[in-house]
Amino acid sequence: MLRLNNVEVVYDRAILVLKGISLDVPEQRIITLLGSNGAGKSTTLKAISGLLKPERGEITRGSVEAGCSTT
């Protein structure tokens, strides 16, 4: 499971770009983030992947895997 709990991300120590994001993704599930330009979709994914450090809240990591399986 991947869990985000009340995550906040600040750019350049001045611009709050994510505030209070919480999200649960159960194992073996796929979710989609939808929103307009500037809504925080890419920032959320950067926080999950570790490219950005959350100022507050926590990210409990499961695993993030790319690719698809053919069966």
N, C-alpha and C. Protein backbone atom coordinates (compact mmCIF):
# COMPACT_ATOMS: atom_id res chain seq x y z
N MET A 1 0.84 -1.18 0.00
CA MET A 1 0.00 0.00 0.00
C MET A 1 0.88 1.23 0.00
N LEU A 2 0.45 2.22 -0.72
CA LEU A 2 1.09 3.54 -0.71
C LEU A 2 0.15 4.48 0.00
N ARG A 3 0.67 5.21 1.00
CA ARG A 3 -0.18 6.11 1.77
C ARG A 3 0.48 7.47 1.89
N LEU A 4 -0.26 8.52 1.55
CA LEU A 4 0.15 9.90 1.81
C LEU A 4 -0.78 10.43 2.88
N ASN A 5 -0.22 11.09 3.88
CA ASN A 5 -1.03 11.60 4.97
C ASN A 5 -0.71 13.07 5.22
N ASN A 6 -1.64 13.94 4.82
CA ASN A 6 -1.55 15.37 5.10
C ASN A 6 -0.23 15.97 4.60
N VAL A 7 0.16 15.66 3.36
CA VAL A 7 1.43 16.10 2.80
C VAL A 7 1.34 17.54 2.32
N GLU A 8 2.39 18.31 2.63
CA GLU A 8 2.53 19.67 2.13
C GLU A 8 3.90 19.81 1.50
N VAL A 9 3.95 20.49 0.35
CA VAL A 9 5.21 20.72 -0.35
C VAL A 9 5.34 22.21 -0.59
N VAL A 10 6.53 22.75 -0.31
CA VAL A 10 6.81 24.17 -0.49
C VAL A 10 7.97 24.30 -1.47
N TYR A 11 7.82 25.14 -2.51
CA TYR A 11 8.90 25.43 -3.44
C TYR A 11 9.65 26.66 -2.95
N ASP A 12 10.96 26.62 -3.06
CA ASP A 12 11.83 27.76 -2.73
C ASP A 12 11.56 28.36 -1.36
N ARG A 13 11.14 27.52 -0.42
CA ARG A 13 10.86 27.95 0.96
C ARG A 13 9.83 29.07 1.05
N ALA A 14 9.05 29.28 -0.01
CA ALA A 14 8.10 30.40 0.01
C ALA A 14 6.74 30.09 -0.60
N ILE A 15 6.68 29.17 -1.55
CA ILE A 15 5.44 28.95 -2.30
C ILE A 15 4.84 27.60 -1.91
N LEU A 16 3.72 27.63 -1.21
CA LEU A 16 3.02 26.40 -0.82
C LEU A 16 2.27 25.87 -2.04
N VAL A 17 2.71 24.72 -2.55
CA VAL A 17 2.09 24.17 -3.77
C VAL A 17 1.18 22.99 -3.51
N LEU A 18 1.39 22.28 -2.42
CA LEU A 18 0.48 21.21 -2.00
C LEU A 18 0.14 21.44 -0.54
N LYS A 19 -1.11 21.33 -0.21
CA LYS A 19 -1.52 21.52 1.18
C LYS A 19 -2.50 20.43 1.59
N GLY A 20 -2.08 19.60 2.53
CA GLY A 20 -2.98 18.61 3.13
C GLY A 20 -3.42 17.50 2.21
N ILE A 21 -2.54 17.02 1.34
CA ILE A 21 -2.90 15.93 0.42
C ILE A 21 -2.83 14.60 1.17
N SER A 22 -3.92 13.86 1.15
CA SER A 22 -3.96 12.51 1.72
C SER A 22 -4.49 11.55 0.66
N LEU A 23 -3.88 10.37 0.60
CA LEU A 23 -4.21 9.43 -0.47
C LEU A 23 -3.80 8.03 -0.03
N ASP A 24 -4.65 7.06 -0.26
CA ASP A 24 -4.33 5.65 -0.02
C ASP A 24 -4.46 4.89 -1.33
N VAL A 25 -3.42 4.15 -1.68
CA VAL A 25 -3.47 3.31 -2.88
C VAL A 25 -3.23 1.87 -2.43
N PRO A 26 -4.27 1.02 -2.48
CA PRO A 26 -4.11 -0.37 -2.08
C PRO A 26 -3.16 -1.12 -3.01
N GLU A 27 -2.60 -2.22 -2.52
CA GLU A 27 -1.71 -3.05 -3.32
C GLU A 27 -2.40 -3.50 -4.59
N GLN A 28 -1.62 -3.58 -5.65
CA GLN A 28 -2.06 -4.07 -6.96
C GLN A 28 -3.23 -3.27 -7.53
N ARG A 29 -3.28 -1.99 -7.23
CA ARG A 29 -4.32 -1.10 -7.78
C ARG A 29 -3.66 0.00 -8.60
N ILE A 30 -4.40 0.55 -9.50
CA ILE A 30 -3.96 1.68 -10.31
C ILE A 30 -4.90 2.83 -10.03
N ILE A 31 -4.35 4.02 -9.82
CA ILE A 31 -5.18 5.20 -9.64
C ILE A 31 -4.76 6.26 -10.66
N THR A 32 -5.60 7.24 -10.82
CA THR A 32 -5.33 8.35 -11.73
C THR A 32 -5.49 9.65 -10.98
N LEU A 33 -4.55 10.58 -11.19
CA LEU A 33 -4.67 11.93 -10.64
C LEU A 33 -5.18 12.83 -11.76
N LEU A 34 -6.30 13.45 -11.53
CA LEU A 34 -6.89 14.35 -12.52
C LEU A 34 -6.96 15.76 -11.95
N GLY A 35 -6.78 16.75 -12.81
CA GLY A 35 -6.90 18.14 -12.38
C GLY A 35 -6.42 19.07 -13.48
N SER A 36 -6.73 20.33 -13.31
CA SER A 36 -6.33 21.32 -14.31
C SER A 36 -4.84 21.64 -14.17
N ASN A 37 -4.33 22.44 -15.10
CA ASN A 37 -2.94 22.88 -15.03
C ASN A 37 -2.70 23.58 -13.70
N GLY A 38 -1.60 23.24 -13.05
CA GLY A 38 -1.25 23.88 -11.80
C GLY A 38 -1.96 23.32 -10.58
N ALA A 39 -2.67 22.21 -10.73
CA ALA A 39 -3.43 21.65 -9.61
C ALA A 39 -2.56 20.85 -8.63
N GLY A 40 -1.34 20.46 -9.06
CA GLY A 40 -0.44 19.74 -8.18
C GLY A 40 -0.22 18.28 -8.51
N LYS A 41 -0.65 17.85 -9.69
CA LYS A 41 -0.49 16.44 -10.07
C LYS A 41 0.99 16.04 -10.13
N SER A 42 1.78 16.78 -10.86
CA SER A 42 3.21 16.46 -11.00
C SER A 42 3.94 16.61 -9.68
N THR A 43 3.60 17.62 -8.91
CA THR A 43 4.24 17.83 -7.61
C THR A 43 3.93 16.67 -6.68
N THR A 44 2.71 16.17 -6.71
CA THR A 44 2.34 15.01 -5.89
C THR A 44 3.20 13.81 -6.27
N LEU A 45 3.35 13.55 -7.56
CA LEU A 45 4.16 12.41 -8.01
C LEU A 45 5.63 12.60 -7.67
N LYS A 46 6.13 13.83 -7.74
CA LYS A 46 7.52 14.11 -7.36
C LYS A 46 7.73 13.88 -5.86
N ALA A 47 6.76 14.22 -5.05
CA ALA A 47 6.86 13.98 -3.61
C ALA A 47 6.85 12.48 -3.31
N ILE A 48 5.99 11.74 -4.00
CA ILE A 48 5.93 10.29 -3.80
C ILE A 48 7.25 9.63 -4.21
N SER A 49 7.82 10.07 -5.32
CA SER A 49 9.04 9.44 -5.83
C SER A 49 10.30 9.91 -5.12
N GLY A 50 10.18 10.92 -4.26
CA GLY A 50 11.34 11.39 -3.52
C GLY A 50 12.10 12.52 -4.17
N LEU A 51 11.64 13.01 -5.31
CA LEU A 51 12.31 14.13 -5.97
C LEU A 51 12.10 15.44 -5.22
N LEU A 52 11.00 15.55 -4.50
CA LEU A 52 10.72 16.70 -3.64
C LEU A 52 10.48 16.20 -2.23
N LYS A 53 10.98 16.94 -1.26
CA LYS A 53 10.80 16.56 0.13
C LYS A 53 9.57 17.27 0.70
N PRO A 54 8.63 16.53 1.26
CA PRO A 54 7.47 17.18 1.89
C PRO A 54 7.90 18.00 3.10
N GLU A 55 7.30 19.16 3.27
CA GLU A 55 7.56 20.00 4.44
C GLU A 55 6.88 19.43 5.67
N ARG A 56 5.67 18.92 5.48
CA ARG A 56 4.88 18.34 6.57
C ARG A 56 4.21 17.09 6.06
N GLY A 57 3.71 16.31 7.01
CA GLY A 57 3.00 15.09 6.65
C GLY A 57 3.98 13.95 6.44
N GLU A 58 3.45 12.84 5.97
CA GLU A 58 4.31 11.68 5.77
C GLU A 58 3.86 10.90 4.55
N ILE A 59 4.84 10.25 3.95
CA ILE A 59 4.59 9.35 2.84
C ILE A 59 5.09 7.99 3.27
N THR A 60 4.17 7.05 3.41
CA THR A 60 4.54 5.68 3.77
C THR A 60 4.68 4.93 2.45
N ARG A 61 5.88 4.52 2.17
CA ARG A 61 6.16 3.99 0.86
C ARG A 61 5.84 2.51 0.74
N GLY A 62 5.19 2.22 -0.36
CA GLY A 62 5.07 0.85 -0.82
C GLY A 62 6.14 0.71 -1.88
N SER A 63 5.78 0.26 -3.04
CA SER A 63 6.72 0.25 -4.13
C SER A 63 6.08 0.92 -5.33
N VAL A 64 6.90 1.61 -6.09
CA VAL A 64 6.44 2.26 -7.31
C VAL A 64 7.14 1.56 -8.46
N GLU A 65 6.37 0.95 -9.34
CA GLU A 65 6.93 0.18 -10.43
C GLU A 65 6.44 0.72 -11.76
N ALA A 66 7.32 0.77 -12.73
CA ALA A 66 6.96 1.23 -14.07
C ALA A 66 6.84 0.02 -14.99
N GLY A 67 6.11 0.22 -16.07
CA GLY A 67 5.98 -0.85 -17.03
C GLY A 67 4.67 -1.58 -16.91
N CYS A 68 4.48 -2.54 -17.77
CA CYS A 68 3.24 -3.32 -17.73
C CYS A 68 3.59 -4.79 -17.88
N SER A 69 2.71 -5.61 -17.43
CA SER A 69 2.93 -7.03 -17.53
C SER A 69 2.03 -7.59 -18.62
N THR A 70 2.55 -8.52 -19.36
CA THR A 70 1.74 -9.17 -20.40
C THR A 70 1.43 -10.58 -19.93
N THR A 71 0.18 -10.90 -19.96
CA THR A 71 -0.24 -12.23 -19.49
C THR A 71 -0.95 -12.98 -20.56
